[in-house]
Each structure stands twice: as C-alpha cells, then as structure tokens.
Amino acid sequence: MLAAAFGFTCNATFVKMLVQGGMPVFQVAFARAFFALLPLLPFLVAGGFGAFRTSHPITHLLRAACGAGAMVCGFYALSTLPLATVMVLTFTVPLFAVVLSVLILGEFVGWRRWTATLVGFLGVLVMILPRLLAEGFVLEWPLLAALGQALGIATAVILVKRFPARESQPVMVFWFCFASIVITAPLALAQWQSPTASQWLLLAAVGFTGFASQSFIIKAYRSGEASFVAPFDYTKLPIAVLAGWLLFSELPDWATYAGGAIVIAATLYILRRDAVVRRGSR
C-alpha cells in the first residue's frame, strides 16, 4: 500500500506536468491506458486472447467507463487545483462507496456508518467553503471534476465486487485498459498534439506508474485486512504536499488541512466499522 500511495502520487505529478504544459487531457488519458496495457503483452503472447476471456463483458465495460471518466476528471482537476487538494479529495472514495454499496449492491448500512459518511462530506464542505465564498457560491468546474473522479473510482470499486473470485487481476486490468483506450481514443485523436521527447517519457511514466500502483493496491488488499491496509493510503497527502511545494510552488490552505483531517477521520471510522460488521457476520 505504501508503494501504491507513492506510485499514485508520482502518477498525479507526471499528469500535472503534462496538462499544465498544454497537453490535452484526453490525450494524457489515452496514453495512460495505452502504456498501462503494454506490461500485459507477455500474457497475451503466451496465452493469446483466450487468456483474457471473460463472462462479464458488460460489467467490464461499465467499470472501464467509470474509470475512464474518473481519469479524465482527475486529470482536468490537476490542471488547475493544487496537487495536495486533488489528492485529499480522492480520500472521499470510501464515502461515495458507502452510498453506492446501498444503491448498487443493496447492502445494509447502519446509522454509525451513515453518520460518519455525513461527517466526511461535511469535511469536503470545509475544504471548498473558502472557494465558494470567493466565487459567490458558484462551484468551480475543477472542484466538481475532482469530486467526479472520486465518484468514478468508487463506482469502479463497487463494480469489482460484482466479479466472481475467479476473475483474475490480469483479466480485469486488460479489459479496463482496452475499453479505456476505445473510450478516450476519438477525443484524444481529435485534440492530438505531437509530444516532445520529454513528454513521451512522461506519458509512458504515467501509464507504467498507474499500472504498477494498481497492481500494488490489489496485492495489498488481497494480502491484508482492509481496515489495517487502507490507512497507509493516506501517506499520499504528505508526499503530495512535498511534491506540490518543490515542483509547482504550491502550498495547501488551512481549509484543505482542516477538511482533509475530517474526511480522513470519517473514512478511518467507516473502515473500522466495516471490519467490525464483517467479523460479526462470520
């Protein structure tokens, strides 16, 4: 999980460099999916397309659509918002997941987790309140995009639960990357800009760090209990603060720290409560 947190922060840093340098968001998203697909080529050569056969194409397509939408939203948010602010807003994924688990999976959620979810969203309000006041209570598109990223990730995570246990990690990654390429390719080609040598390196780094970080996080959750593993994801925040300061001369405002602390506390409680509920159901 620590490796995943570091990798995702590096990934966001590379993306921010590209989009602030003027590269279209859809082009970066297309490259993210394309280069993430390359490490799977040995599986394709060894087993052919049969190695990636699935009985759940619709679920894969929905998951890829949510993931691709989350990528585009997150990349757009990074073009304007500080790196640490975008990273903190991704911590709302467990909050959205609580709501979606009821709507999509029909799970029961007790009053404690509903209360923690509400508190977490109040933390988001604390983060965005200064911007709302400054803009006359008009919510900026980058903030909506950052929250859209969290919603998209949460939906993709919930859809993963609909796969049977035998659906392997390479199959899930392959169909996610393949469908994401199909989804992002038309707009990427329409806005295509010829990358420089350094931009090609950054685009490749975005794809490979994204692939590696996804692999690390899946391995972390399969190896350890979520309530123990998940809190290590919050190390993304100090890494993002440091990267934003050194590379982009950004420092988060007090609202980001205060709201982020509320969100982290709420999500930690939700994770802990989920663990208690699961133990009680055994």
C-alpha atoms as a PDB file:
ATOM      1  CA  MET A   1       0.000   0.000   0.000  1.00  0.00           C
ATOM      2  CA  LEU A   2       2.891   2.368   0.698  1.00  0.00           C
ATOM      3  CA  ALA A   3       4.300   1.623  -2.749  1.00  0.00           C
ATOM      4  CA  ALA A   4       0.855   2.241  -4.266  1.00  0.00           C
ATOM      5  CA  ALA A   5       0.496   5.560  -2.437  1.00  0.00           C
ATOM      6  CA  PHE A   6       3.905   6.706  -3.663  1.00  0.00           C
ATOM      7  CA  GLY A   7       3.183   5.478  -7.192  1.00  0.00           C
ATOM      8  CA  PHE A   8      -0.211   7.188  -7.457  1.00  0.00           C
ATOM      9  CA  THR A   9       1.289  10.459  -6.214  1.00  0.00           C
ATOM     10  CA  CYS A  10       4.083  10.221  -8.796  1.00  0.00           C
ATOM     11  CA  ASN A  11       1.435   9.450 -11.408  1.00  0.00           C
ATOM     12  CA  ALA A  12      -0.553  12.565 -10.494  1.00  0.00           C
ATOM     13  CA  THR A  13       2.642  14.638 -10.521  1.00  0.00           C
ATOM     14  CA  PHE A  14       3.519  13.491 -14.055  1.00  0.00           C
ATOM     15  CA  VAL A  15      -0.033  14.194 -15.205  1.00  0.00           C
ATOM     16  CA  LYS A  16       0.069  17.698 -13.727  1.00  0.00           C
ATOM     17  CA  MET A  17       3.331  18.408 -15.555  1.00  0.00           C
ATOM     18  CA  LEU A  18       1.762  17.340 -18.846  1.00  0.00           C
ATOM     19  CA  VAL A  19      -1.586  19.118 -18.577  1.00  0.00           C
ATOM     20  CA  GLN A  20      -0.056  22.316 -17.239  1.00  0.00           C
ATOM     21  CA  GLY A  21       2.317  22.140 -20.188  1.00  0.00           C
ATOM     22  CA  GLY A  22      -0.699  22.345 -22.501  1.00  0.00           C
ATOM     23  CA  MET A  23      -1.247  18.700 -23.419  1.00  0.00           C
ATOM     24  CA  PRO A  24      -4.962  17.843 -23.859  1.00  0.00           C
ATOM     25  CA  VAL A  25      -6.497  15.862 -21.008  1.00  0.00           C
ATOM     26  CA  PHE A  26      -7.941  13.166 -23.308  1.00  0.00           C
ATOM     27  CA  GLN A  27      -4.548  12.604 -24.898  1.00  0.00           C
ATOM     28  CA  VAL A  28      -2.982  12.013 -21.485  1.00  0.00           C
ATOM     29  CA  ALA A  29      -5.840   9.672 -20.516  1.00  0.00           C
ATOM     30  CA  PHE A  30      -5.410   7.711 -23.765  1.00  0.00           C
ATOM     31  CA  ALA A  31      -1.662   7.366 -23.160  1.00  0.00           C
ATOM     32  CA  ARG A  32      -2.324   6.304 -19.560  1.00  0.00           C
ATOM     33  CA  ALA A  33      -4.450   3.384 -20.764  1.00  0.00           C
ATOM     34  CA  PHE A  34      -2.214   2.515 -23.730  1.00  0.00           C
ATOM     35  CA  PHE A  35       1.066   2.339 -21.832  1.00  0.00           C
ATOM     36  CA  ALA A  36      -0.599   0.506 -18.927  1.00  0.00           C
ATOM     37  CA  LEU A  37      -1.639  -2.173 -21.420  1.00  0.00           C
ATOM     38  CA  LEU A  38       1.921  -2.895 -22.586  1.00  0.00           C
ATOM     39  CA  PRO A  39       3.009  -4.864 -19.464  1.00  0.00           C
ATOM     40  CA  LEU A  40       0.201  -7.323 -20.245  1.00  0.00           C
ATOM     41  CA  LEU A  41       1.592  -8.186 -23.684  1.00  0.00           C
ATOM     42  CA  PRO A  42       3.611 -11.171 -22.347  1.00  0.00           C
ATOM     43  CA  PHE A  43       0.329 -12.683 -21.079  1.00  0.00           C
ATOM     44  CA  LEU A  44      -1.226 -12.053 -24.493  1.00  0.00           C
ATOM     45  CA  VAL A  45       1.709 -13.657 -26.333  1.00  0.00           C
ATOM     46  CA  ALA A  46       1.746 -16.671 -24.008  1.00  0.00           C
ATOM     47  CA  GLY A  47      -1.978 -17.367 -23.857  1.00  0.00           C
ATOM     48  CA  GLY A  48      -3.491 -15.467 -26.765  1.00  0.00           C
ATOM     49  CA  PHE A  49      -6.754 -13.572 -26.453  1.00  0.00           C
ATOM     50  CA  GLY A  50      -8.244 -16.627 -24.776  1.00  0.00           C
ATOM     51  CA  ALA A  51      -6.235 -15.730 -21.668  1.00  0.00           C
ATOM     52  CA  PHE A  52      -8.419 -12.644 -21.305  1.00  0.00           C
ATOM     53  CA  ARG A  53     -11.777 -14.280 -21.992  1.00  0.00           C
ATOM     54  CA  THR A  54     -14.499 -13.109 -19.641  1.00  0.00           C
ATOM     55  CA  SER A  55     -18.131 -13.954 -18.931  1.00  0.00           C
ATOM     56  CA  HIS A  56     -18.856 -10.418 -17.682  1.00  0.00           C
ATOM     57  CA  PRO A  57     -18.241  -8.035 -20.619  1.00  0.00           C
ATOM     58  CA  ILE A  58     -20.974  -5.583 -19.617  1.00  0.00           C
ATOM     59  CA  THR A  59     -19.594  -5.188 -16.094  1.00  0.00           C
ATOM     60  CA  HIS A  60     -16.100  -4.682 -17.510  1.00  0.00           C
ATOM     61  CA  LEU A  61     -17.418  -2.040 -19.902  1.00  0.00           C
ATOM     62  CA  LEU A  62     -19.257  -0.182 -17.127  1.00  0.00           C
ATOM     63  CA  ARG A  63     -16.186  -0.347 -14.885  1.00  0.00           C
ATOM     64  CA  ALA A  64     -13.959   0.941 -17.682  1.00  0.00           C
ATOM     65  CA  ALA A  65     -16.388   3.780 -18.464  1.00  0.00           C
ATOM     66  CA  CYS A  66     -16.388   4.832 -14.805  1.00  0.00           C
ATOM     67  CA  GLY A  67     -12.606   4.516 -14.587  1.00  0.00           C
ATOM     68  CA  ALA A  68     -12.018   6.435 -17.816  1.00  0.00           C
ATOM     69  CA  GLY A  69     -14.400   9.161 -16.658  1.00  0.00           C
ATOM     70  CA  ALA A  70     -12.588   9.317 -13.314  1.00  0.00           C
ATOM     71  CA  MET A  71      -9.237   9.628 -15.118  1.00  0.00           C
ATOM     72  CA  VAL A  72     -10.405  12.482 -17.316  1.00  0.00           C
ATOM     73  CA  CYS A  73     -11.994  14.312 -14.363  1.00  0.00           C
ATOM     74  CA  GLY A  74      -8.884  13.871 -12.209  1.00  0.00           C
ATOM     75  CA  PHE A  75      -6.530  14.991 -14.972  1.00  0.00           C
ATOM     76  CA  TYR A  76      -8.652  18.076 -15.622  1.00  0.00           C
ATOM     77  CA  ALA A  77      -8.715  18.913 -11.909  1.00  0.00           C
ATOM     78  CA  LEU A  78      -4.914  18.642 -11.754  1.00  0.00           C
ATOM     79  CA  SER A  79      -4.590  21.284 -14.473  1.00  0.00           C
ATOM     80  CA  THR A  80      -5.938  23.913 -12.070  1.00  0.00           C
ATOM     81  CA  LEU A  81      -6.098  22.730  -8.462  1.00  0.00           C
ATOM     82  CA  PRO A  82      -3.096  22.149  -6.187  1.00  0.00           C
ATOM     83  CA  LEU A  83      -1.791  18.582  -6.221  1.00  0.00           C
ATOM     84  CA  ALA A  84      -2.491  18.087  -2.497  1.00  0.00           C
ATOM     85  CA  THR A  85      -6.085  19.346  -2.838  1.00  0.00           C
ATOM     86  CA  VAL A  86      -6.864  16.831  -5.586  1.00  0.00           C
ATOM     87  CA  MET A  87      -5.219  14.085  -3.552  1.00  0.00           C
ATOM     88  CA  VAL A  88      -7.266  14.917  -0.443  1.00  0.00           C
ATOM     89  CA  LEU A  89     -10.499  14.869  -2.433  1.00  0.00           C
ATOM     90  CA  THR A  90      -9.705  11.322  -3.627  1.00  0.00           C
ATOM     91  CA  PHE A  91      -9.937  10.301   0.038  1.00  0.00           C
ATOM     92  CA  THR A  92     -13.713  10.708  -0.323  1.00  0.00           C
ATOM     93  CA  VAL A  93     -13.867   7.444  -2.313  1.00  0.00           C
ATOM     94  CA  PRO A  94     -14.939   5.408   0.790  1.00  0.00           C
ATOM     95  CA  LEU A  95     -17.704   7.953   1.450  1.00  0.00           C
ATOM     96  CA  PHE A  96     -19.138   7.547  -2.046  1.00  0.00           C
ATOM     97  CA  ALA A  97     -18.625   3.783  -1.766  1.00  0.00           C
ATOM     98  CA  VAL A  98     -20.927   3.635   1.271  1.00  0.00           C
ATOM     99  CA  VAL A  99     -23.743   5.291  -0.681  1.00  0.00           C
ATOM    100  CA  LEU A 100     -23.126   3.205  -3.819  1.00  0.00           C
ATOM    101  CA  SER A 101     -22.959  -0.061  -1.880  1.00  0.00           C
ATOM    102  CA  VAL A 102     -26.597   0.557  -0.901  1.00  0.00           C
ATOM    103  CA  LEU A 103     -27.744   1.725  -4.345  1.00  0.00           C
ATOM    104  CA  ILE A 104     -25.888  -0.866  -6.465  1.00  0.00           C
ATOM    105  CA  LEU A 105     -25.257  -3.851  -4.192  1.00  0.00           C
ATOM    106  CA  GLY A 106     -28.243  -3.467  -1.876  1.00  0.00           C
ATOM    107  CA  GLU A 107     -26.032  -3.718   1.210  1.00  0.00           C
ATOM    108  CA  PHE A 108     -27.266  -2.682   4.638  1.00  0.00           C
ATOM    109  CA  VAL A 109     -25.508   0.312   6.211  1.00  0.00           C
ATOM    110  CA  GLY A 110     -26.111   1.125   9.863  1.00  0.00           C
ATOM    111  CA  TRP A 111     -26.573   4.542  11.392  1.00  0.00           C
ATOM    112  CA  ARG A 112     -22.955   4.736  12.564  1.00  0.00           C
ATOM    113  CA  ARG A 113     -21.557   4.466   9.044  1.00  0.00           C
ATOM    114  CA  TRP A 114     -24.212   6.834   7.684  1.00  0.00           C
ATOM    115  CA  THR A 115     -23.239   9.378  10.356  1.00  0.00           C
ATOM    116  CA  ALA A 116     -19.535   9.006   9.545  1.00  0.00           C
ATOM    117  CA  THR A 117     -20.319   9.421   5.840  1.00  0.00           C
ATOM    118  CA  LEU A 118     -22.235  12.630   6.522  1.00  0.00           C
ATOM    119  CA  VAL A 119     -19.385  13.953   8.668  1.00  0.00           C
ATOM    120  CA  GLY A 120     -16.943  13.112   5.874  1.00  0.00           C
ATOM    121  CA  PHE A 121     -18.938  15.100   3.330  1.00  0.00           C
ATOM    122  CA  LEU A 122     -19.055  17.999   5.799  1.00  0.00           C
ATOM    123  CA  GLY A 123     -15.259  17.815   5.704  1.00  0.00           C
ATOM    124  CA  VAL A 124     -15.444  18.272   1.938  1.00  0.00           C
ATOM    125  CA  LEU A 125     -17.619  21.336   2.510  1.00  0.00           C
ATOM    126  CA  VAL A 126     -14.977  22.736   4.877  1.00  0.00           C
ATOM    127  CA  MET A 127     -12.361  22.277   2.123  1.00  0.00           C
ATOM    128  CA  ILE A 128     -14.331  24.005  -0.605  1.00  0.00           C
ATOM    129  CA  LEU A 129     -16.057  26.694   1.515  1.00  0.00           C
ATOM    130  CA  PRO A 130     -13.336  29.368   1.050  1.00  0.00           C
ATOM    131  CA  ARG A 131     -13.533  28.920  -2.726  1.00  0.00           C
ATOM    132  CA  LEU A 132     -17.330  29.084  -2.604  1.00  0.00           C
ATOM    133  CA  LEU A 133     -17.162  32.327  -0.649  1.00  0.00           C
ATOM    134  CA  ALA A 134     -14.604  33.783  -3.028  1.00  0.00           C
ATOM    135  CA  GLU A 135     -16.639  32.818  -6.111  1.00  0.00           C
ATOM    136  CA  GLY A 136     -20.035  33.922  -4.768  1.00  0.00           C
ATOM    137  CA  PHE A 137     -21.152  30.347  -4.034  1.00  0.00           C
ATOM    138  CA  VAL A 138     -20.535  29.224  -7.625  1.00  0.00           C
ATOM    139  CA  LEU A 139     -18.836  25.823  -7.535  1.00  0.00           C
ATOM    140  CA  GLU A 140     -15.823  25.692  -9.845  1.00  0.00           C
ATOM    141  CA  TRP A 141     -15.596  23.003 -12.523  1.00  0.00           C
ATOM    142  CA  PRO A 142     -12.181  21.734 -11.324  1.00  0.00           C
ATOM    143  CA  LEU A 143     -13.619  21.047  -7.852  1.00  0.00           C
ATOM    144  CA  LEU A 144     -16.615  19.258  -9.361  1.00  0.00           C
ATOM    145  CA  ALA A 145     -14.207  17.287 -11.549  1.00  0.00           C
ATOM    146  CA  ALA A 146     -12.112  16.251  -8.534  1.00  0.00           C
ATOM    147  CA  LEU A 147     -15.240  15.013  -6.761  1.00  0.00           C
ATOM    148  CA  GLY A 148     -16.340  13.348 -10.004  1.00  0.00           C
ATOM    149  CA  GLN A 149     -13.039  11.491 -10.018  1.00  0.00           C
ATOM    150  CA  ALA A 150     -13.733  10.140  -6.516  1.00  0.00           C
ATOM    151  CA  LEU A 151     -17.273   9.135  -7.519  1.00  0.00           C
ATOM    152  CA  GLY A 152     -15.989   7.359 -10.632  1.00  0.00           C
ATOM    153  CA  ILE A 153     -13.337   5.458  -8.679  1.00  0.00           C
ATOM    154  CA  ALA A 154     -15.875   4.455  -6.023  1.00  0.00           C
ATOM    155  CA  THR A 155     -18.276   3.184  -8.694  1.00  0.00           C
ATOM    156  CA  ALA A 156     -15.489   1.174 -10.354  1.00  0.00           C
ATOM    157  CA  VAL A 157     -14.536  -0.308  -6.977  1.00  0.00           C
ATOM    158  CA  ILE A 158     -18.142  -1.299  -6.263  1.00  0.00           C
ATOM    159  CA  LEU A 159     -18.425  -2.919  -9.697  1.00  0.00           C
ATOM    160  CA  VAL A 160     -15.313  -5.000  -8.962  1.00  0.00           C
ATOM    161  CA  LYS A 161     -17.315  -6.637  -6.175  1.00  0.00           C
ATOM    162  CA  ARG A 162     -19.720  -7.959  -8.800  1.00  0.00           C
ATOM    163  CA  PHE A 163     -16.959 -10.068 -10.362  1.00  0.00           C
ATOM    164  CA  PRO A 164     -16.554 -13.651  -9.137  1.00  0.00           C
ATOM    165  CA  ALA A 165     -13.402 -14.513  -7.187  1.00  0.00           C
ATOM    166  CA  ARG A 166     -12.027 -16.478 -10.150  1.00  0.00           C
ATOM    167  CA  GLU A 167     -11.835 -13.332 -12.341  1.00  0.00           C
ATOM    168  CA  SER A 168      -8.065 -12.760 -12.361  1.00  0.00           C
ATOM    169  CA  GLN A 169      -6.206  -9.489 -11.943  1.00  0.00           C
ATOM    170  CA  PRO A 170      -4.667  -9.552 -15.477  1.00  0.00           C
ATOM    171  CA  VAL A 171      -8.141 -10.041 -16.991  1.00  0.00           C
ATOM    172  CA  MET A 172      -9.577  -7.080 -15.047  1.00  0.00           C
ATOM    173  CA  VAL A 173      -6.626  -4.827 -15.920  1.00  0.00           C
ATOM    174  CA  PHE A 174      -6.670  -5.867 -19.598  1.00  0.00           C
ATOM    175  CA  TRP A 175     -10.355  -5.101 -20.130  1.00  0.00           C
ATOM    176  CA  PHE A 176     -10.114  -1.869 -18.163  1.00  0.00           C
ATOM    177  CA  CYS A 177      -7.191  -0.636 -20.290  1.00  0.00           C
ATOM    178  CA  PHE A 178      -8.645  -1.901 -23.591  1.00  0.00           C
ATOM    179  CA  ALA A 179     -12.058  -0.314 -23.006  1.00  0.00           C
ATOM    180  CA  SER A 180     -10.455   2.910 -21.737  1.00  0.00           C
ATOM    181  CA  ILE A 181      -8.418   3.141 -24.954  1.00  0.00           C
ATOM    182  CA  VAL A 182     -11.580   2.727 -27.051  1.00  0.00           C
ATOM    183  CA  ILE A 183     -13.441   5.329 -24.971  1.00  0.00           C
ATOM    184  CA  THR A 184     -10.707   8.007 -24.928  1.00  0.00           C
ATOM    185  CA  ALA A 185      -9.232   7.464 -28.428  1.00  0.00           C
ATOM    186  CA  PRO A 186     -11.732   9.559 -30.501  1.00  0.00           C
ATOM    187  CA  LEU A 187     -11.316  12.743 -28.443  1.00  0.00           C
ATOM    188  CA  ALA A 188      -7.578  12.134 -27.970  1.00  0.00           C
ATOM    189  CA  LEU A 189      -7.064  11.902 -31.747  1.00  0.00           C
ATOM    190  CA  ALA A 190      -9.247  14.952 -32.364  1.00  0.00           C
ATOM    191  CA  GLN A 191      -7.098  17.046 -29.996  1.00  0.00           C
ATOM    192  CA  TRP A 192      -3.767  15.305 -30.652  1.00  0.00           C
ATOM    193  CA  GLN A 193      -0.570  17.295 -30.178  1.00  0.00           C
ATOM    194  CA  SER A 194       2.795  15.857 -31.187  1.00  0.00           C
ATOM    195  CA  PRO A 195       4.644  15.236 -27.890  1.00  0.00           C
ATOM    196  CA  THR A 196       8.263  16.210 -27.396  1.00  0.00           C
ATOM    197  CA  ALA A 197      10.780  13.574 -26.317  1.00  0.00           C
ATOM    198  CA  SER A 198      10.396  14.560 -22.664  1.00  0.00           C
ATOM    199  CA  GLN A 199       6.597  14.460 -22.952  1.00  0.00           C
ATOM    200  CA  TRP A 200       6.749  10.949 -24.440  1.00  0.00           C
ATOM    201  CA  LEU A 201       8.768   9.886 -21.397  1.00  0.00           C
ATOM    202  CA  LEU A 202       6.209  11.467 -19.058  1.00  0.00           C
ATOM    203  CA  LEU A 203       3.311   9.824 -20.925  1.00  0.00           C
ATOM    204  CA  ALA A 204       5.000   6.434 -20.630  1.00  0.00           C
ATOM    205  CA  ALA A 205       5.688   7.103 -16.944  1.00  0.00           C
ATOM    206  CA  VAL A 206       2.002   7.935 -16.390  1.00  0.00           C
ATOM    207  CA  GLY A 207       0.987   4.586 -17.869  1.00  0.00           C
ATOM    208  CA  PHE A 208       3.562   2.441 -16.106  1.00  0.00           C
ATOM    209  CA  THR A 209       3.194   4.078 -12.677  1.00  0.00           C
ATOM    210  CA  GLY A 210      -0.583   3.760 -12.987  1.00  0.00           C
ATOM    211  CA  PHE A 211      -0.306   0.062 -13.861  1.00  0.00           C
ATOM    212  CA  ALA A 212       2.205  -0.629 -11.090  1.00  0.00           C
ATOM    213  CA  SER A 213       0.227   1.280  -8.469  1.00  0.00           C
ATOM    214  CA  GLN A 214      -2.992  -0.562  -9.348  1.00  0.00           C
ATOM    215  CA  SER A 215      -1.138  -3.874  -9.046  1.00  0.00           C
ATOM    216  CA  PHE A 216       0.309  -2.863  -5.669  1.00  0.00           C
ATOM    217  CA  ILE A 217      -3.035  -1.815  -4.248  1.00  0.00           C
ATOM    218  CA  ILE A 218      -4.779  -5.022  -5.384  1.00  0.00           C
ATOM    219  CA  LYS A 219      -1.954  -7.047  -3.851  1.00  0.00           C
ATOM    220  CA  ALA A 220      -2.240  -5.054  -0.607  1.00  0.00           C
ATOM    221  CA  TYR A 221      -5.976  -5.682  -0.230  1.00  0.00           C
ATOM    222  CA  ARG A 222      -5.627  -9.365  -1.118  1.00  0.00           C
ATOM    223  CA  SER A 223      -2.815  -9.833   1.405  1.00  0.00           C
ATOM    224  CA  GLY A 224      -4.145  -7.919   4.419  1.00  0.00           C
ATOM    225  CA  GLU A 225      -7.363  -6.810   6.058  1.00  0.00           C
ATOM    226  CA  ALA A 226      -8.742  -3.604   4.558  1.00  0.00           C
ATOM    227  CA  SER A 227      -9.097  -1.839   7.924  1.00  0.00           C
ATOM    228  CA  PHE A 228      -5.363  -2.342   8.522  1.00  0.00           C
ATOM    229  CA  VAL A 229      -4.094  -1.749   4.980  1.00  0.00           C
ATOM    230  CA  ALA A 230      -6.231   1.219   3.878  1.00  0.00           C
ATOM    231  CA  PRO A 231      -4.915   3.874   6.326  1.00  0.00           C
ATOM    232  CA  PHE A 232      -1.473   3.652   4.719  1.00  0.00           C
ATOM    233  CA  ASP A 233      -3.061   5.161   1.601  1.00  0.00           C
ATOM    234  CA  TYR A 234      -3.186   8.487   3.421  1.00  0.00           C
ATOM    235  CA  THR A 235       0.604   8.804   3.121  1.00  0.00           C
ATOM    236  CA  LYS A 236      -0.247  10.234  -0.312  1.00  0.00           C
ATOM    237  CA  LEU A 237      -1.052  13.544   1.374  1.00  0.00           C
ATOM    238  CA  PRO A 238       2.405  14.444   2.793  1.00  0.00           C
ATOM    239  CA  ILE A 239       4.047  13.176  -0.416  1.00  0.00           C
ATOM    240  CA  ALA A 240       1.689  15.332  -2.496  1.00  0.00           C
ATOM    241  CA  VAL A 241       2.290  18.383  -0.290  1.00  0.00           C
ATOM    242  CA  LEU A 242       6.055  17.966  -0.696  1.00  0.00           C
ATOM    243  CA  ALA A 243       5.834  17.380  -4.463  1.00  0.00           C
ATOM    244  CA  GLY A 244       3.491  20.340  -4.920  1.00  0.00           C
ATOM    245  CA  TRP A 245       5.800  22.620  -2.971  1.00  0.00           C
ATOM    246  CA  LEU A 246       9.023  21.526  -4.682  1.00  0.00           C
ATOM    247  CA  LEU A 247       7.761  21.232  -8.260  1.00  0.00           C
ATOM    248  CA  PHE A 248       4.820  23.631  -8.544  1.00  0.00           C
ATOM    249  CA  SER A 249       5.368  26.114  -5.675  1.00  0.00           C
ATOM    250  CA  GLU A 250       2.019  25.102  -4.165  1.00  0.00           C
ATOM    251  CA  LEU A 251       1.067  25.077  -0.521  1.00  0.00           C
ATOM    252  CA  PRO A 252      -2.436  23.983   0.574  1.00  0.00           C
ATOM    253  CA  ASP A 253      -4.534  26.472   2.531  1.00  0.00           C
ATOM    254  CA  TRP A 254      -5.818  25.847   6.057  1.00  0.00           C
ATOM    255  CA  ALA A 255      -9.183  24.650   4.744  1.00  0.00           C
ATOM    256  CA  THR A 256      -7.537  21.778   2.864  1.00  0.00           C
ATOM    257  CA  TYR A 257      -5.807  20.580   6.026  1.00  0.00           C
ATOM    258  CA  ALA A 258      -8.876  21.028   8.242  1.00  0.00           C
ATOM    259  CA  GLY A 259     -11.350  19.459   5.807  1.00  0.00           C
ATOM    260  CA  GLY A 260      -8.867  16.728   4.905  1.00  0.00           C
ATOM    261  CA  ALA A 261      -8.454  15.793   8.574  1.00  0.00           C
ATOM    262  CA  ILE A 262     -12.248  15.446   8.930  1.00  0.00           C
ATOM    263  CA  VAL A 263     -12.503  13.313   5.767  1.00  0.00           C
ATOM    264  CA  ILE A 264      -9.631  11.056   6.855  1.00  0.00           C
ATOM    265  CA  ALA A 265     -11.106  10.615  10.342  1.00  0.00           C
ATOM    266  CA  ALA A 266     -14.531   9.756   8.880  1.00  0.00           C
ATOM    267  CA  THR A 267     -13.165   7.252   6.366  1.00  0.00           C
ATOM    268  CA  LEU A 268     -10.990   5.597   9.002  1.00  0.00           C
ATOM    269  CA  TYR A 269     -14.068   5.130  11.173  1.00  0.00           C
ATOM    270  CA  ILE A 270     -16.009   3.669   8.225  1.00  0.00           C
ATOM    271  CA  LEU A 271     -13.200   1.210   7.505  1.00  0.00           C
ATOM    272  CA  ARG A 272     -13.026   0.219  11.156  1.00  0.00           C
ATOM    273  CA  ARG A 273     -16.794  -0.178  11.365  1.00  0.00           C
ATOM    274  CA  ASP A 274     -16.809  -2.297   8.179  1.00  0.00           C
ATOM    275  CA  ALA A 275     -14.261  -4.612   9.798  1.00  0.00           C
ATOM    276  CA  VAL A 276     -16.412  -4.947  12.928  1.00  0.00           C
ATOM    277  CA  VAL A 277     -19.530  -5.716  10.864  1.00  0.00           C
ATOM    278  CA  ARG A 278     -17.684  -8.344   8.811  1.00  0.00           C
ATOM    279  CA  ARG A 279     -16.348 -10.064  11.939  1.00  0.00           C
ATOM    280  CA  GLY A 280     -19.822 -10.088  13.443  1.00  0.00           C
ATOM    281  CA  SER A 281     -21.267 -11.765  10.348  1.00  0.00           C
ATOM    282  CA  ARG A 282     -18.830 -14.691  10.486  1.00  0.00           C
END
